[in-house]
Amino acid sequence: MIKTIFKLALLLNILGHASVLANPSANFLCVTLQTVDADICAINIREDSANWFKINHDEMYHDKLEPPQSMSYVSDVKVSPSEQFLAILSVGEGHPILDIISVKALLNNQEEPLFSLNPYPGWISAENWQGEKLIITSDRLLSENNQDLYQGEKFLLDAKSFKISPLSPNVKQPIQYYLYLLATTHDKWQTEEIIQTLVSLNAVEAIPTLKQFLQQPRMIEFKPQLEKAIQHLSID
């Protein structure tokens, strides 16, 4: 608690009390780096930008850091167990972007992120690190072609290879998941989009089920889309 108060006091002094206290959306986030005996702090002054500092524990002095230009209002920061990587979630115009950056590079003011993940038009959140892999949640099928999932599902992002793997059961078997949605949804727009999603996933295994849907009365109005999807998948 005392250390947090010292941080806040130092940050207020750095940025000027008036500029911080006058903005109700102003806040700060810090992560501790044991390897360098310091904290990395992001201070949001405005909704479109953040200031970054390294605050050393021993003398409580600071160094200003230059983060990647892509970062706007920082909403979350998580450091990997090895303290090699930072996962930074920033928001610009209400839209989140996840950046993976090298801690060493940030401390040396090298601005390029190692990897950026933009789930537009969906959302994303960073859950926690498992070694050098980050558990993330999104409503987009990040392990495929960013299709809409209509709900949050979990994935695993490898900070070294940048590979995104499905973690939740639904995204491990996306074709079965979308067929289930197609069988249960009563939303016209969603039904049309799911049919197109199955085509984009090249879901050849879905053809028998799509043919069964053709026989269902509630699917009569979607007959042209179903037939077109079956034809397209049959050719592939």
C-alpha atoms as a PDB file:
ATOM      1  CA  MET A   1       0.000   0.000   0.000  1.00  0.00           C
ATOM      2  CA  ILE A   2       2.811   2.411   0.931  1.00  0.00           C
ATOM      3  CA  LYS A   3       4.662   1.598  -2.273  1.00  0.00           C
ATOM      4  CA  THR A   4       1.489   2.294  -4.265  1.00  0.00           C
ATOM      5  CA  ILE A   5       1.092   5.675  -2.557  1.00  0.00           C
ATOM      6  CA  PHE A   6       4.717   6.526  -3.364  1.00  0.00           C
ATOM      7  CA  LYS A   7       4.126   5.587  -7.005  1.00  0.00           C
ATOM      8  CA  LEU A   8       1.019   7.707  -7.239  1.00  0.00           C
ATOM      9  CA  ALA A   9       2.746  10.660  -5.584  1.00  0.00           C
ATOM     10  CA  LEU A  10       5.693  10.383  -7.962  1.00  0.00           C
ATOM     11  CA  LEU A  11       3.463  10.105 -11.011  1.00  0.00           C
ATOM     12  CA  LEU A  12       1.398  13.091  -9.932  1.00  0.00           C
ATOM     13  CA  ASN A  13       4.609  15.054  -9.529  1.00  0.00           C
ATOM     14  CA  ILE A  14       5.876  13.936 -12.938  1.00  0.00           C
ATOM     15  CA  LEU A  15       2.766  14.895 -14.839  1.00  0.00           C
ATOM     16  CA  GLY A  16       1.522  17.787 -12.738  1.00  0.00           C
ATOM     17  CA  HIS A  17      -1.312  17.490 -10.276  1.00  0.00           C
ATOM     18  CA  ALA A  18      -3.739  19.620 -12.268  1.00  0.00           C
ATOM     19  CA  SER A  19      -3.522  17.667 -15.534  1.00  0.00           C
ATOM     20  CA  VAL A  20      -4.248  14.391 -13.733  1.00  0.00           C
ATOM     21  CA  LEU A  21      -6.845  15.442 -11.182  1.00  0.00           C
ATOM     22  CA  ALA A  22      -8.808  17.517 -13.707  1.00  0.00           C
ATOM     23  CA  ASN A  23      -9.474  14.454 -15.847  1.00  0.00           C
ATOM     24  CA  PRO A  24     -11.941  11.928 -14.337  1.00  0.00           C
ATOM     25  CA  SER A  25     -10.740   9.209 -16.739  1.00  0.00           C
ATOM     26  CA  ALA A  26      -7.099   9.545 -15.674  1.00  0.00           C
ATOM     27  CA  ASN A  27      -5.569   6.441 -14.059  1.00  0.00           C
ATOM     28  CA  PHE A  28      -2.402   4.405 -13.980  1.00  0.00           C
ATOM     29  CA  LEU A  29      -1.403   0.750 -14.266  1.00  0.00           C
ATOM     30  CA  CYS A  30       1.899  -0.702 -13.082  1.00  0.00           C
ATOM     31  CA  VAL A  31       3.644  -4.070 -13.271  1.00  0.00           C
ATOM     32  CA  THR A  32       6.647  -5.009 -11.172  1.00  0.00           C
ATOM     33  CA  LEU A  33       9.848  -6.306 -12.788  1.00  0.00           C
ATOM     34  CA  GLN A  34      11.902  -8.199 -10.226  1.00  0.00           C
ATOM     35  CA  THR A  35      14.788  -8.622 -12.668  1.00  0.00           C
ATOM     36  CA  VAL A  36      15.460  -4.887 -12.837  1.00  0.00           C
ATOM     37  CA  ASP A  37      13.986  -3.920  -9.430  1.00  0.00           C
ATOM     38  CA  ALA A  38      11.564  -1.474 -10.983  1.00  0.00           C
ATOM     39  CA  ASP A  39       7.975  -0.922 -12.028  1.00  0.00           C
ATOM     40  CA  ILE A  40       6.736  -0.209 -15.528  1.00  0.00           C
ATOM     41  CA  CYS A  41       3.798   2.192 -15.338  1.00  0.00           C
ATOM     42  CA  ALA A  42       1.344   3.451 -17.924  1.00  0.00           C
ATOM     43  CA  ILE A  43      -0.471   6.648 -17.031  1.00  0.00           C
ATOM     44  CA  ASN A  44      -3.629   7.507 -18.960  1.00  0.00           C
ATOM     45  CA  ILE A  45      -4.161  11.247 -19.022  1.00  0.00           C
ATOM     46  CA  ARG A  46      -6.469  11.447 -22.006  1.00  0.00           C
ATOM     47  CA  GLU A  47      -8.661   8.862 -23.702  1.00  0.00           C
ATOM     48  CA  ASP A  48      -6.386   8.755 -26.756  1.00  0.00           C
ATOM     49  CA  SER A  49      -2.913   8.412 -25.249  1.00  0.00           C
ATOM     50  CA  ALA A  50      -0.830   7.099 -22.358  1.00  0.00           C
ATOM     51  CA  ASN A  51       2.516   8.058 -20.836  1.00  0.00           C
ATOM     52  CA  TRP A  52       4.971   5.312 -19.879  1.00  0.00           C
ATOM     53  CA  PHE A  53       7.596   5.367 -17.150  1.00  0.00           C
ATOM     54  CA  LYS A  54      10.079   3.068 -15.459  1.00  0.00           C
ATOM     55  CA  ILE A  55      10.094   3.715 -11.708  1.00  0.00           C
ATOM     56  CA  ASN A  56      13.152   2.332  -9.935  1.00  0.00           C
ATOM     57  CA  HIS A  57      12.518   0.900  -6.486  1.00  0.00           C
ATOM     58  CA  ASP A  58      15.775   1.768  -4.765  1.00  0.00           C
ATOM     59  CA  GLU A  59      15.768   5.539  -5.281  1.00  0.00           C
ATOM     60  CA  MET A  60      12.219   6.006  -6.587  1.00  0.00           C
ATOM     61  CA  TYR A  61      13.409   7.993  -9.589  1.00  0.00           C
ATOM     62  CA  HIS A  62      11.908   7.542 -13.046  1.00  0.00           C
ATOM     63  CA  ASP A  63      12.799   7.218 -16.702  1.00  0.00           C
ATOM     64  CA  LYS A  64      10.270   8.103 -19.375  1.00  0.00           C
ATOM     65  CA  LEU A  65       9.705   5.349 -21.927  1.00  0.00           C
ATOM     66  CA  GLU A  66       8.515   5.482 -25.527  1.00  0.00           C
ATOM     67  CA  PRO A  67       5.879   2.798 -26.212  1.00  0.00           C
ATOM     68  CA  PRO A  68       4.793   1.643 -29.695  1.00  0.00           C
ATOM     69  CA  GLN A  69       2.882   4.329 -31.552  1.00  0.00           C
ATOM     70  CA  SER A  70      -0.099   2.000 -31.995  1.00  0.00           C
ATOM     71  CA  MET A  71      -0.950   2.196 -28.292  1.00  0.00           C
ATOM     72  CA  SER A  72      -3.696   4.524 -27.136  1.00  0.00           C
ATOM     73  CA  TYR A  73      -5.543   4.407 -23.808  1.00  0.00           C
ATOM     74  CA  VAL A  74      -4.020   1.467 -21.893  1.00  0.00           C
ATOM     75  CA  SER A  75      -6.618  -0.711 -20.196  1.00  0.00           C
ATOM     76  CA  ASP A  76      -4.498  -3.675 -19.084  1.00  0.00           C
ATOM     77  CA  VAL A  77      -0.847  -4.678 -18.716  1.00  0.00           C
ATOM     78  CA  LYS A  78       0.423  -8.162 -17.880  1.00  0.00           C
ATOM     79  CA  VAL A  79       4.043  -9.292 -17.631  1.00  0.00           C
ATOM     80  CA  SER A  80       5.075 -12.865 -18.441  1.00  0.00           C
ATOM     81  CA  PRO A  81       6.588 -15.005 -15.625  1.00  0.00           C
ATOM     82  CA  SER A  82      10.058 -14.694 -17.187  1.00  0.00           C
ATOM     83  CA  GLU A  83       9.568 -10.915 -17.438  1.00  0.00           C
ATOM     84  CA  GLN A  84      10.588 -11.188 -21.074  1.00  0.00           C
ATOM     85  CA  PHE A  85       7.243 -10.052 -22.511  1.00  0.00           C
ATOM     86  CA  LEU A  86       4.515  -7.544 -21.787  1.00  0.00           C
ATOM     87  CA  ALA A  87       0.954  -8.039 -22.965  1.00  0.00           C
ATOM     88  CA  ILE A  88      -0.607  -4.606 -23.368  1.00  0.00           C
ATOM     89  CA  LEU A  89      -4.249  -4.018 -24.122  1.00  0.00           C
ATOM     90  CA  SER A  90      -4.960  -0.535 -25.436  1.00  0.00           C
ATOM     91  CA  VAL A  91      -8.157   1.054 -26.646  1.00  0.00           C
ATOM     92  CA  GLY A  92      -8.555   3.574 -29.432  1.00  0.00           C
ATOM     93  CA  GLU A  93     -11.996   4.985 -30.269  1.00  0.00           C
ATOM     94  CA  GLY A  94     -13.553   2.222 -28.187  1.00  0.00           C
ATOM     95  CA  HIS A  95     -11.757  -0.550 -30.057  1.00  0.00           C
ATOM     96  CA  PRO A  96      -9.219  -2.843 -28.290  1.00  0.00           C
ATOM     97  CA  ILE A  97      -5.860  -3.968 -29.664  1.00  0.00           C
ATOM     98  CA  LEU A  98      -3.468  -6.407 -27.993  1.00  0.00           C
ATOM     99  CA  ASP A  99       0.276  -5.817 -28.343  1.00  0.00           C
ATOM    100  CA  ILE A 100       3.034  -8.194 -27.257  1.00  0.00           C
ATOM    101  CA  ILE A 101       6.232  -6.272 -26.678  1.00  0.00           C
ATOM    102  CA  SER A 102       9.704  -7.129 -25.474  1.00  0.00           C
ATOM    103  CA  VAL A 103      10.407  -5.773 -21.996  1.00  0.00           C
ATOM    104  CA  LYS A 104      14.054  -5.306 -22.964  1.00  0.00           C
ATOM    105  CA  ALA A 105      13.082  -3.377 -26.085  1.00  0.00           C
ATOM    106  CA  LEU A 106      10.678  -1.145 -24.140  1.00  0.00           C
ATOM    107  CA  LEU A 107      13.350  -0.322 -21.564  1.00  0.00           C
ATOM    108  CA  ASN A 108      15.651   0.613 -24.462  1.00  0.00           C
ATOM    109  CA  ASN A 109      12.922   2.744 -26.084  1.00  0.00           C
ATOM    110  CA  GLN A 110      12.601   0.509 -29.115  1.00  0.00           C
ATOM    111  CA  GLU A 111       9.043   1.181 -30.192  1.00  0.00           C
ATOM    112  CA  GLU A 112       7.992  -1.686 -32.474  1.00  0.00           C
ATOM    113  CA  PRO A 113       5.788  -4.397 -30.894  1.00  0.00           C
ATOM    114  CA  LEU A 114       6.728  -8.015 -31.504  1.00  0.00           C
ATOM    115  CA  PHE A 115       3.132  -8.842 -32.366  1.00  0.00           C
ATOM    116  CA  SER A 116      -0.167  -6.990 -32.603  1.00  0.00           C
ATOM    117  CA  LEU A 117      -3.595  -8.589 -32.563  1.00  0.00           C
ATOM    118  CA  ASN A 118      -6.549  -6.615 -33.847  1.00  0.00           C
ATOM    119  CA  PRO A 119      -9.896  -8.416 -33.411  1.00  0.00           C
ATOM    120  CA  TYR A 120     -11.914  -5.736 -35.227  1.00  0.00           C
ATOM    121  CA  PRO A 121     -14.877  -5.546 -35.213  1.00  0.00           C
ATOM    122  CA  GLY A 122     -14.845  -7.750 -32.126  1.00  0.00           C
ATOM    123  CA  TRP A 123     -13.282  -7.483 -28.689  1.00  0.00           C
ATOM    124  CA  ILE A 124     -10.378  -9.109 -26.866  1.00  0.00           C
ATOM    125  CA  SER A 125      -9.121  -9.401 -23.292  1.00  0.00           C
ATOM    126  CA  ALA A 126      -5.912 -10.742 -21.760  1.00  0.00           C
ATOM    127  CA  GLU A 127      -6.514 -13.262 -18.975  1.00  0.00           C
ATOM    128  CA  ASN A 128      -3.198 -14.555 -17.609  1.00  0.00           C
ATOM    129  CA  TRP A 129       0.161 -15.985 -18.623  1.00  0.00           C
ATOM    130  CA  GLN A 130       1.016 -19.692 -18.628  1.00  0.00           C
ATOM    131  CA  GLY A 131       4.757 -19.625 -19.066  1.00  0.00           C
ATOM    132  CA  GLU A 132       5.409 -17.727 -22.292  1.00  0.00           C
ATOM    133  CA  LYS A 133       1.862 -18.291 -23.528  1.00  0.00           C
ATOM    134  CA  LEU A 134      -0.969 -15.850 -22.890  1.00  0.00           C
ATOM    135  CA  ILE A 135      -4.580 -16.911 -22.379  1.00  0.00           C
ATOM    136  CA  ILE A 136      -6.835 -14.495 -24.231  1.00  0.00           C
ATOM    137  CA  THR A 137     -10.601 -14.263 -24.659  1.00  0.00           C
ATOM    138  CA  SER A 138     -12.346 -12.910 -27.743  1.00  0.00           C
ATOM    139  CA  ASP A 139     -15.626 -13.070 -29.608  1.00  0.00           C
ATOM    140  CA  ARG A 140     -13.736 -13.641 -32.877  1.00  0.00           C
ATOM    141  CA  LEU A 141     -12.330 -16.935 -34.176  1.00  0.00           C
ATOM    142  CA  LEU A 142      -8.725 -15.787 -33.814  1.00  0.00           C
ATOM    143  CA  SER A 143      -7.255 -19.197 -34.673  1.00  0.00           C
ATOM    144  CA  GLU A 144      -8.923 -19.125 -38.106  1.00  0.00           C
ATOM    145  CA  ASN A 145     -10.115 -16.138 -40.126  1.00  0.00           C
ATOM    146  CA  ASN A 146     -11.512 -13.857 -37.415  1.00  0.00           C
ATOM    147  CA  GLN A 147     -15.116 -15.018 -37.861  1.00  0.00           C
ATOM    148  CA  ASP A 148     -17.752 -13.897 -35.374  1.00  0.00           C
ATOM    149  CA  LEU A 149     -18.245 -16.312 -32.454  1.00  0.00           C
ATOM    150  CA  TYR A 150     -21.201 -14.377 -30.966  1.00  0.00           C
ATOM    151  CA  GLN A 151     -19.735 -14.938 -27.487  1.00  0.00           C
ATOM    152  CA  GLY A 152     -16.366 -14.925 -25.742  1.00  0.00           C
ATOM    153  CA  GLU A 153     -14.122 -17.970 -26.167  1.00  0.00           C
ATOM    154  CA  LYS A 154     -10.584 -18.676 -24.950  1.00  0.00           C
ATOM    155  CA  PHE A 155      -7.391 -18.993 -27.013  1.00  0.00           C
ATOM    156  CA  LEU A 156      -3.701 -19.453 -26.275  1.00  0.00           C
ATOM    157  CA  LEU A 157      -1.208 -17.002 -27.783  1.00  0.00           C
ATOM    158  CA  ASP A 158       2.431 -18.112 -27.907  1.00  0.00           C
ATOM    159  CA  ALA A 159       4.560 -15.001 -27.351  1.00  0.00           C
ATOM    160  CA  LYS A 160       7.565 -16.579 -29.065  1.00  0.00           C
ATOM    161  CA  SER A 161       5.997 -18.062 -32.207  1.00  0.00           C
ATOM    162  CA  PHE A 162       2.873 -15.793 -32.219  1.00  0.00           C
ATOM    163  CA  LYS A 163       0.778 -18.867 -32.942  1.00  0.00           C
ATOM    164  CA  ILE A 164      -2.806 -18.681 -31.708  1.00  0.00           C
ATOM    165  CA  SER A 165      -4.321 -21.991 -30.632  1.00  0.00           C
ATOM    166  CA  PRO A 166      -7.926 -22.721 -29.651  1.00  0.00           C
ATOM    167  CA  LEU A 167      -8.464 -23.403 -25.974  1.00  0.00           C
ATOM    168  CA  SER A 168     -12.233 -23.527 -25.411  1.00  0.00           C
ATOM    169  CA  PRO A 169     -14.071 -26.657 -26.656  1.00  0.00           C
ATOM    170  CA  ASN A 170     -16.194 -24.595 -29.065  1.00  0.00           C
ATOM    171  CA  VAL A 171     -13.208 -23.194 -30.937  1.00  0.00           C
ATOM    172  CA  LYS A 172     -11.386 -26.524 -30.956  1.00  0.00           C
ATOM    173  CA  GLN A 173     -14.235 -27.816 -33.137  1.00  0.00           C
ATOM    174  CA  PRO A 174     -15.490 -24.654 -34.845  1.00  0.00           C
ATOM    175  CA  ILE A 175     -17.473 -26.389 -37.594  1.00  0.00           C
ATOM    176  CA  GLN A 176     -19.539 -28.337 -35.064  1.00  0.00           C
ATOM    177  CA  TYR A 177     -19.977 -25.160 -33.057  1.00  0.00           C
ATOM    178  CA  TYR A 178     -21.329 -23.209 -36.041  1.00  0.00           C
ATOM    179  CA  LEU A 179     -23.639 -26.069 -37.020  1.00  0.00           C
ATOM    180  CA  TYR A 180     -25.020 -26.035 -33.480  1.00  0.00           C
ATOM    181  CA  LEU A 181     -25.594 -22.286 -33.725  1.00  0.00           C
ATOM    182  CA  LEU A 182     -27.281 -22.739 -37.094  1.00  0.00           C
ATOM    183  CA  ALA A 183     -29.626 -25.313 -35.568  1.00  0.00           C
ATOM    184  CA  THR A 184     -30.559 -23.154 -32.597  1.00  0.00           C
ATOM    185  CA  THR A 185     -30.581 -19.534 -33.733  1.00  0.00           C
ATOM    186  CA  HIS A 186     -33.768 -17.795 -34.807  1.00  0.00           C
ATOM    187  CA  ASP A 187     -32.048 -14.637 -35.979  1.00  0.00           C
ATOM    188  CA  LYS A 188     -32.194 -14.159 -39.743  1.00  0.00           C
ATOM    189  CA  TRP A 189     -29.020 -12.097 -40.031  1.00  0.00           C
ATOM    190  CA  GLN A 190     -27.078 -14.543 -37.832  1.00  0.00           C
ATOM    191  CA  THR A 191     -28.338 -17.536 -39.827  1.00  0.00           C
ATOM    192  CA  GLU A 192     -27.123 -16.026 -43.099  1.00  0.00           C
ATOM    193  CA  GLU A 193     -23.781 -15.110 -41.586  1.00  0.00           C
ATOM    194  CA  ILE A 194     -23.227 -18.590 -40.120  1.00  0.00           C
ATOM    195  CA  ILE A 195     -23.882 -20.217 -43.496  1.00  0.00           C
ATOM    196  CA  GLN A 196     -21.277 -17.930 -45.050  1.00  0.00           C
ATOM    197  CA  THR A 197     -18.858 -18.648 -42.194  1.00  0.00           C
ATOM    198  CA  LEU A 198     -19.078 -22.398 -42.870  1.00  0.00           C
ATOM    199  CA  VAL A 199     -18.178 -21.705 -46.497  1.00  0.00           C
ATOM    200  CA  SER A 200     -15.205 -19.547 -45.494  1.00  0.00           C
ATOM    201  CA  LEU A 201     -14.019 -22.361 -43.203  1.00  0.00           C
ATOM    202  CA  ASN A 202     -14.269 -24.768 -46.152  1.00  0.00           C
ATOM    203  CA  ALA A 203     -16.469 -26.965 -43.962  1.00  0.00           C
ATOM    204  CA  VAL A 204     -16.869 -29.907 -46.341  1.00  0.00           C
ATOM    205  CA  GLU A 205     -17.830 -32.141 -43.426  1.00  0.00           C
ATOM    206  CA  ALA A 206     -20.860 -29.918 -42.838  1.00  0.00           C
ATOM    207  CA  ILE A 207     -22.485 -30.801 -46.196  1.00  0.00           C
ATOM    208  CA  PRO A 208     -24.688 -33.681 -44.873  1.00  0.00           C
ATOM    209  CA  THR A 209     -26.010 -31.479 -42.058  1.00  0.00           C
ATOM    210  CA  LEU A 210     -26.634 -28.567 -44.426  1.00  0.00           C
ATOM    211  CA  LYS A 211     -28.644 -30.902 -46.649  1.00  0.00           C
ATOM    212  CA  GLN A 212     -30.723 -31.886 -43.615  1.00  0.00           C
ATOM    213  CA  PHE A 213     -31.391 -28.214 -42.922  1.00  0.00           C
ATOM    214  CA  LEU A 214     -32.870 -27.944 -46.418  1.00  0.00           C
ATOM    215  CA  GLN A 215     -35.688 -30.252 -45.305  1.00  0.00           C
ATOM    216  CA  GLN A 216     -36.608 -28.148 -42.270  1.00  0.00           C
ATOM    217  CA  PRO A 217     -39.623 -25.795 -42.651  1.00  0.00           C
ATOM    218  CA  ARG A 218     -37.959 -22.974 -40.725  1.00  0.00           C
ATOM    219  CA  MET A 219     -35.065 -23.006 -43.193  1.00  0.00           C
ATOM    220  CA  ILE A 220     -37.215 -22.535 -46.298  1.00  0.00           C
ATOM    221  CA  GLU A 221     -36.338 -18.851 -46.608  1.00  0.00           C
ATOM    222  CA  PHE A 222     -32.640 -19.738 -46.479  1.00  0.00           C
ATOM    223  CA  LYS A 223     -32.831 -22.408 -49.173  1.00  0.00           C
ATOM    224  CA  PRO A 224     -30.906 -20.353 -51.787  1.00  0.00           C
ATOM    225  CA  GLN A 225     -28.045 -19.662 -49.345  1.00  0.00           C
ATOM    226  CA  LEU A 226     -27.898 -23.300 -48.202  1.00  0.00           C
ATOM    227  CA  GLU A 227     -27.892 -24.646 -51.753  1.00  0.00           C
ATOM    228  CA  LYS A 228     -25.201 -22.196 -52.784  1.00  0.00           C
ATOM    229  CA  ALA A 229     -23.073 -23.154 -49.769  1.00  0.00           C
ATOM    230  CA  ILE A 230     -23.480 -26.892 -50.472  1.00  0.00           C
ATOM    231  CA  GLN A 231     -22.535 -26.359 -54.106  1.00  0.00           C
ATOM    232  CA  HIS A 232     -19.480 -24.308 -53.197  1.00  0.00           C
ATOM    233  CA  LEU A 233     -18.268 -26.835 -50.612  1.00  0.00           C
ATOM    234  CA  SER A 234     -18.892 -29.749 -52.975  1.00  0.00           C
ATOM    235  CA  ILE A 235     -16.691 -28.159 -55.631  1.00  0.00           C
ATOM    236  CA  ASP A 236     -13.881 -27.568 -53.151  1.00  0.00           C
END
